PDB file of all heavy atoms in Angstrom:
ATOM      1  N   LEU A   1      24.067  -2.187   8.715  1.00  0.00           N
ATOM      2  CA  LEU A   1      22.984  -1.839   9.620  1.00  0.00           C
ATOM      3  C   LEU A   1      22.155  -0.670   9.033  1.00  0.00           C
ATOM      4  O   LEU A   1      20.905  -0.737   9.057  1.00  0.00           O
ATOM      5  CB  LEU A   1      23.540  -1.393  10.966  1.00  0.00           C
ATOM      6  CG  LEU A   1      23.982  -2.468  11.949  1.00  0.00           C
ATOM      7  CD1 LEU A   1      24.634  -1.834  13.154  1.00  0.00           C
ATOM      8  CD2 LEU A   1      22.842  -3.345  12.386  1.00  0.00           C
ATOM      9  N   SER A   2      22.824   0.349   8.570  1.00  0.00           N
ATOM     10  CA  SER A   2      22.138   1.533   8.021  1.00  0.00           C
ATOM     11  C   SER A   2      21.307   1.127   6.823  1.00  0.00           C
ATOM     12  O   SER A   2      20.124   1.540   6.682  1.00  0.00           O
ATOM     13  CB  SER A   2      23.196   2.586   7.632  1.00  0.00           C
ATOM     14  OG  SER A   2      22.527   3.767   7.264  1.00  0.00           O
ATOM     15  N   ASN A   3      21.876   0.307   5.917  1.00  0.00           N
ATOM     16  CA  ASN A   3      21.119  -0.135   4.724  1.00  0.00           C
ATOM     17  C   ASN A   3      19.923  -0.987   5.111  1.00  0.00           C
ATOM     18  O   ASN A   3      18.848  -0.899   4.490  1.00  0.00           O
ATOM     19  CB  ASN A   3      22.048  -0.923   3.788  1.00  0.00           C
ATOM     20  CG  ASN A   3      22.904   0.025   2.965  1.00  0.00           C
ATOM     21  OD1 ASN A   3      22.573   1.174   2.741  1.00  0.00           O
ATOM     22  ND2 ASN A   3      24.025  -0.492   2.499  1.00  0.00           N
ATOM     23  N   LEU A   4      20.141  -1.872   6.109  1.00  0.00           N
ATOM     24  CA  LEU A   4      19.074  -2.765   6.511  1.00  0.00           C
ATOM     25  C   LEU A   4      17.891  -1.994   7.066  1.00  0.00           C
ATOM     26  O   LEU A   4      16.722  -2.260   6.727  1.00  0.00           O
ATOM     27  CB  LEU A   4      19.614  -3.721   7.587  1.00  0.00           C
ATOM     28  CG  LEU A   4      18.591  -4.732   8.174  1.00  0.00           C
ATOM     29  CD1 LEU A   4      17.999  -5.603   7.082  1.00  0.00           C
ATOM     30  CD2 LEU A   4      19.272  -5.589   9.238  1.00  0.00           C
ATOM     31  N   ILE A   5      18.163  -1.007   7.908  1.00  0.00           N
ATOM     32  CA  ILE A   5      17.051  -0.199   8.475  1.00  0.00           C
ATOM     33  C   ILE A   5      16.318   0.565   7.370  1.00  0.00           C
ATOM     34  O   ILE A   5      15.112   0.658   7.364  1.00  0.00           O
ATOM     35  CB  ILE A   5      17.622   0.739   9.550  1.00  0.00           C
ATOM     36  CG1 ILE A   5      18.110  -0.076  10.772  1.00  0.00           C
ATOM     37  CG2 ILE A   5      16.616   1.826   9.964  1.00  0.00           C
ATOM     38  CD1 ILE A   5      18.839   0.740  11.801  1.00  0.00           C
ATOM     39  N   GLU A   6      17.101   1.087   6.411  1.00  0.00           N
ATOM     40  CA  GLU A   6      16.461   1.790   5.295  1.00  0.00           C
ATOM     41  C   GLU A   6      15.566   0.851   4.472  1.00  0.00           C
ATOM     42  O   GLU A   6      14.442   1.253   4.132  1.00  0.00           O
ATOM     43  CB  GLU A   6      17.558   2.387   4.412  1.00  0.00           C
ATOM     44  CG  GLU A   6      17.008   3.135   3.201  1.00  0.00           C
ATOM     45  CD  GLU A   6      18.020   3.313   2.084  1.00  0.00           C
ATOM     46  OE1 GLU A   6      18.909   2.431   1.981  1.00  0.00           O
ATOM     47  OE2 GLU A   6      17.907   4.292   1.333  1.00  0.00           O
ATOM     48  N   GLU A   7      16.064  -0.342   4.203  1.00  0.00           N
ATOM     49  CA  GLU A   7      15.263  -1.311   3.418  1.00  0.00           C
ATOM     50  C   GLU A   7      13.978  -1.696   4.113  1.00  0.00           C
ATOM     51  O   GLU A   7      12.918  -1.759   3.493  1.00  0.00           O
ATOM     52  CB  GLU A   7      16.122  -2.536   3.112  1.00  0.00           C
ATOM     53  CG  GLU A   7      17.155  -2.344   2.055  1.00  0.00           C
ATOM     54  CD  GLU A   7      17.810  -3.684   1.672  1.00  0.00           C
ATOM     55  OE1 GLU A   7      17.141  -4.528   1.086  1.00  0.00           O
ATOM     56  OE2 GLU A   7      18.997  -3.859   2.012  1.00  0.00           O
ATOM     57  N   VAL A   8      14.073  -1.955   5.424  1.00  0.00           N
ATOM     58  CA  VAL A   8      12.893  -2.339   6.164  1.00  0.00           C
ATOM     59  C   VAL A   8      11.878  -1.219   6.149  1.00  0.00           C
ATOM     60  O   VAL A   8      10.669  -1.415   5.918  1.00  0.00           O
ATOM     61  CB  VAL A   8      13.259  -2.729   7.639  1.00  0.00           C
ATOM     62  CG1 VAL A   8      11.965  -2.952   8.461  1.00  0.00           C
ATOM     63  CG2 VAL A   8      14.112  -3.989   7.656  1.00  0.00           C
ATOM     64  N   ALA A   9      12.313   0.026   6.394  1.00  0.00           N
ATOM     65  CA  ALA A   9      11.389   1.163   6.432  1.00  0.00           C
ATOM     66  C   ALA A   9      10.775   1.414   5.057  1.00  0.00           C
ATOM     67  O   ALA A   9       9.569   1.631   4.932  1.00  0.00           O
ATOM     68  CB  ALA A   9      12.169   2.405   6.926  1.00  0.00           C
ATOM     69  N   ASP A  10      11.599   1.377   4.017  1.00  0.00           N
ATOM     70  CA  ASP A  10      11.054   1.636   2.665  1.00  0.00           C
ATOM     71  C   ASP A  10      10.033   0.579   2.267  1.00  0.00           C
ATOM     72  O   ASP A  10       8.968   0.915   1.737  1.00  0.00           O
ATOM     73  CB  ASP A  10      12.198   1.601   1.628  1.00  0.00           C
ATOM     74  CG  ASP A  10      13.008   2.921   1.644  1.00  0.00           C
ATOM     75  OD1 ASP A  10      12.512   3.893   2.247  1.00  0.00           O
ATOM     76  OD2 ASP A  10      14.107   2.945   1.065  1.00  0.00           O
ATOM     77  N   ASN A  11      10.330  -0.695   2.516  1.00  0.00           N
ATOM     78  CA  ASN A  11       9.379  -1.779   2.225  1.00  0.00           C
ATOM     79  C   ASN A  11       8.104  -1.670   3.066  1.00  0.00           C
ATOM     80  O   ASN A  11       7.020  -2.019   2.600  1.00  0.00           O
ATOM     81  CB  ASN A  11      10.031  -3.142   2.396  1.00  0.00           C
ATOM     82  CG  ASN A  11      10.961  -3.513   1.243  1.00  0.00           C
ATOM     83  OD1 ASN A  11      10.522  -3.852   0.168  1.00  0.00           O
ATOM     84  ND2 ASN A  11      12.266  -3.350   1.461  1.00  0.00           N
ATOM     85  N   TYR A  12       8.253  -1.253   4.292  1.00  0.00           N
ATOM     86  CA  TYR A  12       7.074  -1.075   5.173  1.00  0.00           C
ATOM     87  C   TYR A  12       6.149   0.004   4.617  1.00  0.00           C
ATOM     88  O   TYR A  12       4.929  -0.203   4.552  1.00  0.00           O
ATOM     89  CB  TYR A  12       7.574  -0.708   6.568  1.00  0.00           C
ATOM     90  CG  TYR A  12       6.459  -0.486   7.593  1.00  0.00           C
ATOM     91  CD1 TYR A  12       5.757  -1.564   8.152  1.00  0.00           C
ATOM     92  CD2 TYR A  12       6.088   0.802   7.938  1.00  0.00           C
ATOM     93  CE1 TYR A  12       4.745  -1.369   9.064  1.00  0.00           C
ATOM     94  CE2 TYR A  12       5.092   1.040   8.902  1.00  0.00           C
ATOM     95  CZ  TYR A  12       4.421  -0.059   9.436  1.00  0.00           C
ATOM     96  OH  TYR A  12       3.392   0.146  10.366  1.00  0.00           O
ATOM     97  N   TYR A  13       6.694   1.109   4.192  1.00  0.00           N
ATOM     98  CA  TYR A  13       5.860   2.176   3.620  1.00  0.00           C
ATOM     99  C   TYR A  13       5.254   1.762   2.290  1.00  0.00           C
ATOM    100  O   TYR A  13       4.125   2.117   1.983  1.00  0.00           O
ATOM    101  CB  TYR A  13       6.689   3.442   3.461  1.00  0.00           C
ATOM    102  CG  TYR A  13       7.084   4.076   4.773  1.00  0.00           C
ATOM    103  CD1 TYR A  13       8.373   4.591   4.964  1.00  0.00           C
ATOM    104  CD2 TYR A  13       6.179   4.188   5.830  1.00  0.00           C
ATOM    105  CE1 TYR A  13       8.729   5.198   6.206  1.00  0.00           C
ATOM    106  CE2 TYR A  13       6.534   4.758   7.051  1.00  0.00           C
ATOM    107  CZ  TYR A  13       7.814   5.253   7.203  1.00  0.00           C
ATOM    108  OH  TYR A  13       8.157   5.812   8.400  1.00  0.00           O
ATOM    109  N   GLU A  14       6.003   1.017   1.502  1.00  0.00           N
ATOM    110  CA  GLU A  14       5.443   0.500   0.250  1.00  0.00           C
ATOM    111  C   GLU A  14       4.286  -0.483   0.517  1.00  0.00           C
ATOM    112  O   GLU A  14       3.295  -0.491  -0.206  1.00  0.00           O
ATOM    113  CB  GLU A  14       6.547  -0.216  -0.565  1.00  0.00           C
ATOM    114  CG  GLU A  14       7.558   0.727  -1.159  1.00  0.00           C
ATOM    115  CD  GLU A  14       8.691   0.014  -1.854  1.00  0.00           C
ATOM    116  OE1 GLU A  14       8.515  -1.203  -2.160  1.00  0.00           O
ATOM    117  OE2 GLU A  14       9.739   0.615  -2.092  1.00  0.00           O
ATOM    118  N   LEU A  15       4.396  -1.263   1.582  1.00  0.00           N
ATOM    119  CA  LEU A  15       3.339  -2.193   1.927  1.00  0.00           C
ATOM    120  C   LEU A  15       2.077  -1.387   2.383  1.00  0.00           C
ATOM    121  O   LEU A  15       0.963  -1.753   1.980  1.00  0.00           O
ATOM    122  CB  LEU A  15       3.792  -3.119   3.051  1.00  0.00           C
ATOM    123  CG  LEU A  15       2.796  -4.161   3.574  1.00  0.00           C
ATOM    124  CD1 LEU A  15       2.345  -5.081   2.409  1.00  0.00           C
ATOM    125  CD2 LEU A  15       3.372  -4.962   4.715  1.00  0.00           C
ATOM    126  N   LEU A  16       2.252  -0.368   3.158  1.00  0.00           N
ATOM    127  CA  LEU A  16       1.138   0.465   3.571  1.00  0.00           C
ATOM    128  C   LEU A  16       0.475   1.143   2.326  1.00  0.00           C
ATOM    129  O   LEU A  16      -0.763   1.262   2.283  1.00  0.00           O
ATOM    130  CB  LEU A  16       1.574   1.524   4.551  1.00  0.00           C
ATOM    131  CG  LEU A  16       2.018   1.042   5.949  1.00  0.00           C
ATOM    132  CD1 LEU A  16       2.440   2.247   6.803  1.00  0.00           C
ATOM    133  CD2 LEU A  16       0.937   0.261   6.632  1.00  0.00           C
ATOM    134  N   ALA A  17       1.289   1.553   1.401  1.00  0.00           N
ATOM    135  CA  ALA A  17       0.738   2.180   0.167  1.00  0.00           C
ATOM    136  C   ALA A  17      -0.071   1.164  -0.624  1.00  0.00           C
ATOM    137  O   ALA A  17      -1.148   1.484  -1.135  1.00  0.00           O
ATOM    138  CB  ALA A  17       1.904   2.715  -0.678  1.00  0.00           C
ATOM    139  N   LEU A  18       0.391  -0.077  -0.705  1.00  0.00           N
ATOM    140  CA  LEU A  18      -0.375  -1.090  -1.407  1.00  0.00           C
ATOM    141  C   LEU A  18      -1.690  -1.381  -0.701  1.00  0.00           C
ATOM    142  O   LEU A  18      -2.717  -1.633  -1.339  1.00  0.00           O
ATOM    143  CB  LEU A  18       0.464  -2.398  -1.515  1.00  0.00           C
ATOM    144  CG  LEU A  18       1.649  -2.344  -2.488  1.00  0.00           C
ATOM    145  CD1 LEU A  18       2.513  -3.575  -2.314  1.00  0.00           C
ATOM    146  CD2 LEU A  18       1.169  -2.231  -3.936  1.00  0.00           C
ATOM    147  N   ASP A  19      -1.692  -1.395   0.633  1.00  0.00           N
ATOM    148  CA  ASP A  19      -2.938  -1.583   1.387  1.00  0.00           C
ATOM    149  C   ASP A  19      -3.926  -0.494   1.051  1.00  0.00           C
ATOM    150  O   ASP A  19      -5.111  -0.778   0.808  1.00  0.00           O
ATOM    151  CB  ASP A  19      -2.634  -1.548   2.883  1.00  0.00           C
ATOM    152  CG  ASP A  19      -1.913  -2.793   3.354  1.00  0.00           C
ATOM    153  OD1 ASP A  19      -2.019  -3.835   2.692  1.00  0.00           O
ATOM    154  OD2 ASP A  19      -1.256  -2.764   4.419  1.00  0.00           O
ATOM    155  N   ASN A  20      -3.486   0.723   0.987  1.00  0.00           N
ATOM    156  CA  ASN A  20      -4.376   1.838   0.682  1.00  0.00           C
ATOM    157  C   ASN A  20      -4.834   1.814  -0.776  1.00  0.00           C
ATOM    158  O   ASN A  20      -5.982   2.130  -1.069  1.00  0.00           O
ATOM    159  CB  ASN A  20      -3.684   3.182   0.983  1.00  0.00           C
ATOM    160  CG  ASN A  20      -3.699   3.511   2.502  1.00  0.00           C
ATOM    161  OD1 ASN A  20      -4.564   4.248   2.947  1.00  0.00           O
ATOM    162  ND2 ASN A  20      -2.771   2.941   3.222  1.00  0.00           N
ATOM    163  N   GLN A  21      -3.962   1.364  -1.645  1.00  0.00           N
ATOM    164  CA  GLN A  21      -4.382   1.222  -3.031  1.00  0.00           C
ATOM    165  C   GLN A  21      -5.422   0.120  -3.227  1.00  0.00           C
ATOM    166  O   GLN A  21      -6.326   0.245  -4.048  1.00  0.00           O
ATOM    167  CB  GLN A  21      -3.148   0.975  -3.925  1.00  0.00           C
ATOM    168  CG  GLN A  21      -2.275   2.199  -4.109  1.00  0.00           C
ATOM    169  CD  GLN A  21      -1.069   1.929  -4.976  1.00  0.00           C
ATOM    170  OE1 GLN A  21      -0.634   0.775  -5.135  1.00  0.00           O
ATOM    171  NE2 GLN A  21      -0.501   2.963  -5.556  1.00  0.00           N
ATOM    172  N   LEU A  22      -5.287  -0.914  -2.448  1.00  0.00           N
ATOM    173  CA  LEU A  22      -6.288  -2.003  -2.481  1.00  0.00           C
ATOM    174  C   LEU A  22      -7.641  -1.470  -2.004  1.00  0.00           C
ATOM    175  O   LEU A  22      -8.672  -1.778  -2.585  1.00  0.00           O
ATOM    176  CB  LEU A  22      -5.815  -3.124  -1.615  1.00  0.00           C
ATOM    177  CG  LEU A  22      -6.769  -4.371  -1.554  1.00  0.00           C
ATOM    178  CD1 LEU A  22      -6.981  -4.984  -2.939  1.00  0.00           C
ATOM    179  CD2 LEU A  22      -6.251  -5.423  -0.577  1.00  0.00           C
ATOM    180  N   ASP A  23      -7.634  -0.662  -0.948  1.00  0.00           N
ATOM    181  CA  ASP A  23      -8.889  -0.085  -0.471  1.00  0.00           C
ATOM    182  C   ASP A  23      -9.503   0.834  -1.543  1.00  0.00           C
ATOM    183  O   ASP A  23     -10.725   0.803  -1.745  1.00  0.00           O
ATOM    184  CB  ASP A  23      -8.603   0.752   0.771  1.00  0.00           C
ATOM    185  CG  ASP A  23      -8.317  -0.120   1.978  1.00  0.00           C
ATOM    186  OD1 ASP A  23      -8.599  -1.334   1.944  1.00  0.00           O
ATOM    187  OD2 ASP A  23      -7.726   0.399   2.964  1.00  0.00           O
ATOM    188  N   ILE A  24      -8.686   1.553  -2.256  1.00  0.00           N
ATOM    189  CA  ILE A  24      -9.179   2.477  -3.308  1.00  0.00           C
ATOM    190  C   ILE A  24      -9.833   1.634  -4.429  1.00  0.00           C
ATOM    191  O   ILE A  24     -10.912   1.955  -4.972  1.00  0.00           O
ATOM    192  CB  ILE A  24      -8.061   3.367  -3.825  1.00  0.00           C
ATOM    193  CG1 ILE A  24      -7.640   4.365  -2.759  1.00  0.00           C
ATOM    194  CG2 ILE A  24      -8.499   4.089  -5.091  1.00  0.00           C
ATOM    195  CD1 ILE A  24      -6.391   5.135  -3.121  1.00  0.00           C
ATOM    196  N   ILE A  25      -9.149   0.562  -4.817  1.00  0.00           N
ATOM    197  CA  ILE A  25      -9.697  -0.323  -5.868  1.00  0.00           C
ATOM    198  C   ILE A  25     -11.030  -0.923  -5.421  1.00  0.00           C
ATOM    199  O   ILE A  25     -11.992  -1.012  -6.233  1.00  0.00           O
ATOM    200  CB  ILE A  25      -8.676  -1.413  -6.211  1.00  0.00           C
ATOM    201  CG1 ILE A  25      -7.516  -0.845  -7.027  1.00  0.00           C
ATOM    202  CG2 ILE A  25      -9.331  -2.576  -6.995  1.00  0.00           C
ATOM    203  CD1 ILE A  25      -7.874  -0.412  -8.414  1.00  0.00           C
ATOM    204  N   GLN A  26     -11.103  -1.358  -4.195  1.00  0.00           N
ATOM    205  CA  GLN A  26     -12.362  -1.946  -3.696  1.00  0.00           C
ATOM    206  C   GLN A  26     -13.482  -0.878  -3.670  1.00  0.00           C
ATOM    207  O   GLN A  26     -14.632  -1.171  -4.021  1.00  0.00           O
ATOM    208  CB  GLN A  26     -12.121  -2.532  -2.318  1.00  0.00           C
ATOM    209  CG  GLN A  26     -11.276  -3.762  -2.342  1.00  0.00           C
ATOM    210  CD  GLN A  26     -10.891  -4.264  -0.946  1.00  0.00           C
ATOM    211  OE1 GLN A  26     -10.969  -3.516   0.055  1.00  0.00           O
ATOM    212  NE2 GLN A  26     -10.486  -5.520  -0.864  1.00  0.00           N
ATOM    213  N   GLN A  27     -13.160   0.353  -3.277  1.00  0.00           N
ATOM    214  CA  GLN A  27     -14.152   1.412  -3.329  1.00  0.00           C
ATOM    215  C   GLN A  27     -14.570   1.714  -4.776  1.00  0.00           C
ATOM    216  O   GLN A  27     -15.758   1.972  -5.046  1.00  0.00           O
ATOM    217  CB  GLN A  27     -13.580   2.684  -2.674  1.00  0.00           C
ATOM    218  CG  GLN A  27     -13.321   2.543  -1.176  1.00  0.00           C
ATOM    219  CD  GLN A  27     -12.553   3.696  -0.621  1.00  0.00           C
ATOM    220  OE1 GLN A  27     -12.300   4.696  -1.323  1.00  0.00           O
ATOM    221  NE2 GLN A  27     -12.111   3.572   0.627  1.00  0.00           N
ATOM    222  N   TYR A  28     -13.592   1.722  -5.640  1.00  0.00           N
ATOM    223  CA  TYR A  28     -13.883   1.957  -7.089  1.00  0.00           C
ATOM    224  C   TYR A  28     -14.752   0.847  -7.663  1.00  0.00           C
ATOM    225  O   TYR A  28     -15.629   1.065  -8.475  1.00  0.00           O
ATOM    226  CB  TYR A  28     -12.561   2.035  -7.849  1.00  0.00           C
ATOM    227  CG  TYR A  28     -12.725   2.356  -9.330  1.00  0.00           C
ATOM    228  CD1 TYR A  28     -13.170   3.608  -9.757  1.00  0.00           C
ATOM    229  CD2 TYR A  28     -12.400   1.403 -10.294  1.00  0.00           C
ATOM    230  CE1 TYR A  28     -13.290   3.899 -11.096  1.00  0.00           C
ATOM    231  CE2 TYR A  28     -12.534   1.690 -11.649  1.00  0.00           C
ATOM    232  CZ  TYR A  28     -12.972   2.942 -12.019  1.00  0.00           C
ATOM    233  OH  TYR A  28     -13.130   3.212 -13.392  1.00  0.00           O
ATOM    234  N   THR A  29     -14.516  -0.390  -7.198  1.00  0.00           N
ATOM    235  CA  THR A  29     -15.315  -1.544  -7.676  1.00  0.00           C
ATOM    236  C   THR A  29     -16.766  -1.348  -7.252  1.00  0.00           C
ATOM    237  O   THR A  29     -17.707  -1.607  -8.032  1.00  0.00           O
ATOM    238  CB  THR A  29     -14.780  -2.831  -7.100  1.00  0.00           C
ATOM    239  OG1 THR A  29     -13.429  -3.037  -7.560  1.00  0.00           O
ATOM    240  CG2 THR A  29     -15.594  -4.015  -7.573  1.00  0.00           C
ATOM    241  N   LYS A  30     -16.992  -0.921  -6.015  1.00  0.00           N
ATOM    242  CA  LYS A  30     -18.380  -0.646  -5.550  1.00  0.00           C
ATOM    243  C   LYS A  30     -19.036   0.471  -6.379  1.00  0.00           C
ATOM    244  O   LYS A  30     -20.210   0.393  -6.710  1.00  0.00           O
ATOM    245  CB  LYS A  30     -18.357  -0.288  -4.075  1.00  0.00           C
ATOM    246  CG  LYS A  30     -17.936  -1.419  -3.148  1.00  0.00           C
ATOM    247  CD  LYS A  30     -17.907  -0.957  -1.692  1.00  0.00           C
ATOM    248  CE  LYS A  30     -17.456  -2.092  -0.760  1.00  0.00           C
ATOM    249  NZ  LYS A  30     -17.344  -1.623   0.642  1.00  0.00           N
ATOM    250  N   LEU A  31     -18.242   1.473  -6.686  1.00  0.00           N
ATOM    251  CA  LEU A  31     -18.769   2.594  -7.489  1.00  0.00           C
ATOM    252  C   LEU A  31     -19.158   2.088  -8.887  1.00  0.00           C
ATOM    253  O   LEU A  31     -20.194   2.487  -9.442  1.00  0.00           O
ATOM    254  CB  LEU A  31     -17.670   3.669  -7.606  1.00  0.00           C
ATOM    255  CG  LEU A  31     -18.054   4.982  -8.276  1.00  0.00           C
ATOM    256  CD1 LEU A  31     -19.153   5.698  -7.499  1.00  0.00           C
ATOM    257  CD2 LEU A  31     -16.851   5.899  -8.421  1.00  0.00           C
ATOM    258  N   GLN A  32     -18.327   1.245  -9.469  1.00  0.00           N
ATOM    259  CA  GLN A  32     -18.611   0.674 -10.783  1.00  0.00           C
ATOM    260  C   GLN A  32     -19.861  -0.223 -10.724  1.00  0.00           C
ATOM    261  O   GLN A  32     -20.644  -0.299 -11.672  1.00  0.00           O
ATOM    262  CB  GLN A  32     -17.408  -0.123 -11.284  1.00  0.00           C
ATOM    263  CG  GLN A  32     -16.232   0.745 -11.689  1.00  0.00           C
ATOM    264  CD  GLN A  32     -16.629   1.697 -12.828  1.00  0.00           C
ATOM    265  OE1 GLN A  32     -17.229   1.319 -13.805  1.00  0.00           O
ATOM    266  NE2 GLN A  32     -16.226   2.962 -12.646  1.00  0.00           N
ATOM    267  N   GLN A  33     -19.984  -0.936  -9.598  1.00  0.00           N
ATOM    268  CA  GLN A  33     -21.173  -1.789  -9.437  1.00  0.00           C
ATOM    269  C   GLN A  33     -22.440  -0.973  -9.426  1.00  0.00           C
ATOM    270  O   GLN A  33     -23.434  -1.310 -10.081  1.00  0.00           O
ATOM    271  CB  GLN A  33     -21.041  -2.565  -8.141  1.00  0.00           C
ATOM    272  CG  GLN A  33     -22.120  -3.623  -7.921  1.00  0.00           C
ATOM    273  CD  GLN A  33     -21.965  -4.821  -8.881  1.00  0.00           C
ATOM    274  OE1 GLN A  33     -20.835  -5.335  -9.058  1.00  0.00           O
ATOM    275  NE2 GLN A  33     -23.035  -5.171  -9.544  1.00  0.00           N
ATOM    276  N   ARG A  34     -22.436   0.167  -8.730  1.00  0.00           N
ATOM    277  CA  ARG A  34     -23.625   1.028  -8.713  1.00  0.00           C
ATOM    278  C   ARG A  34     -23.892   1.658 -10.055  1.00  0.00           C
ATOM    279  O   ARG A  34     -25.015   1.735 -10.480  1.00  0.00           O
ATOM    280  CB  ARG A  34     -23.431   2.129  -7.650  1.00  0.00           C
ATOM    281  CG  ARG A  34     -23.518   1.661  -6.207  1.00  0.00           C
ATOM    282  CD  ARG A  34     -23.708   2.800  -5.225  1.00  0.00           C
ATOM    283  NE  ARG A  34     -22.581   3.698  -5.229  1.00  0.00           N
ATOM    284  CZ  ARG A  34     -21.537   3.583  -4.417  1.00  0.00           C
ATOM    285  NH1 ARG A  34     -21.494   2.575  -3.519  1.00  0.00           N
ATOM    286  NH2 ARG A  34     -20.570   4.442  -4.436  1.00  0.00           N
TER     287      ARG A  34
END
């Protein structure tokens, strides 16, 4: 149970980090376009 909760939380935060990195890449792409 303890390991399962840790894995779900860690993967959830990693997913949020990837979402934010995707936003940064998209902003950088617009900057490169300009």
